[in-house]
């Protein structure tokens, strides 16, 4: 069956503010349940909300980075629904006049192509978070409790156009969006703590005998990782295809449905029919004044955006000669590692060698530690000096990793590491003598080289290293080939 999977994503991002969107309660994660509440976020009679200016500034920065249009006038609305973790009986959100709209995010082709794809952003708007329902199923009690610490936390909801056509594209979009948000410094995007949550809207466009048939749209919730999003979308596409083949129902012939993802079972399960906007009975919040954005605020937000991941990848490729792959590896690790690399490149004078060292040795060591390059044991200047020492011939490449290990263990620079390792430069006269000795002891190697089998000399390099660990393998190979060709 020929069909397209049509996917739109709704991403809810908790903004990195110290207090909630409309009150001064803390947003710190992990506090005892219901200890970070007040009359405002509990919706008690007589309490009045006041907007958190920092939350709006972070949202504005994000909207600009997503290439959104920013209206000068926006307002707050009450989205009314009844749920145990929504103490006021409504959520303060934005409806017809969101703070931003009509943007896009460029993502790489997950199949490995180089042409970026633009995923449209319908809107990015601010709203307050609800509380959290905690379900206790231990010992068969199945009690549900409510923690309202999260109620009122500032959320930025980013709604994409249905431009995604596969689960792999959805994951690529989420990874690029998360990277952008962390570069902007607007959220920690910790999915385990609920700082970034994803809902997916999906249906199929089936091509059947010249007709295009759309299946009913399903919203999928309860996905707590990008891998879970991928798996849920793949399962749901197959489920919708089977459903259509069984019932023939198309969009409009069945209500929109909300389904939850059961990660352990690997299936989506029906939860309820999906509400329409009219069900929420939106109306302007009478307790909050509209927001008027000034040019000065926009200029300040633009200045705070900084260099975005896509621009940084391009700069590393154009100005530093890195491959698209190497630039992507560095950028995807976050700005601190990129800044470390830029310092290593400057100190070493060799951007490509610096990229290899940072992407391989530094990342490997960081993964074994706490992952924070600012606390890693070798500064960028010292790693750059190590690379220079290899390039200048003061340190054989084969012993460079030993030198790095010594620098990490002793907290020293490369000169001290060279001394600790007992590395001594071997001059050409000594290398020539060693080459003659080994060639004389291995006439078969000489014969192979003269027959054009140049790789045969490789067998001598290990023997040379045993006799003198300071031998430069490349220079030794060059001299051996030169001597072996002589009559």
Foldseek 3Di string as FASTA:
>chain_A
DDWWKFKKKKKKFFWPDQAFFFDRFGLDPDDDFPPRDDCVLLVPPPDFTDGDVVLVLLLLLLQVVQVWDADQWFFWKWQADDDPQRNNRTWIWGDPGFRTAWGWDWFADLVDDGDTDTWTWGGKHKIADTWDWDFDCPPNPRDIDTGGNRRRRIIIIIIIGRPDGALSSVLRVVLQSQLLSVQLVTHPCQLVRPSMFMKMKIWMFDQDPNHTFIAAIEIEGDQRDSVSSRLASVQVHVVRVVVCVVPVDTHPRDAYFYWYADPVVSYTHTDGGDDDSVVRVMDTDPSDDMHGDDPVSSVVSVVSSPQGLVNQLVCCCVVVVDDSVLSCLQSSLHDVLVVLLVLLCVLQVHSVVSSVCSSPVVQVVLVVDVNDPVPQLAGSNLNSVLNNCCVVQVAAPVCSVVLVVCCRVVVDGSVVSCVVVVADRDDPVNLLVLLVVVCVVPVVLLVCLCVVNLCSCVVCLVVVCVVPVNDRSVVSSVSNSVVSNDD
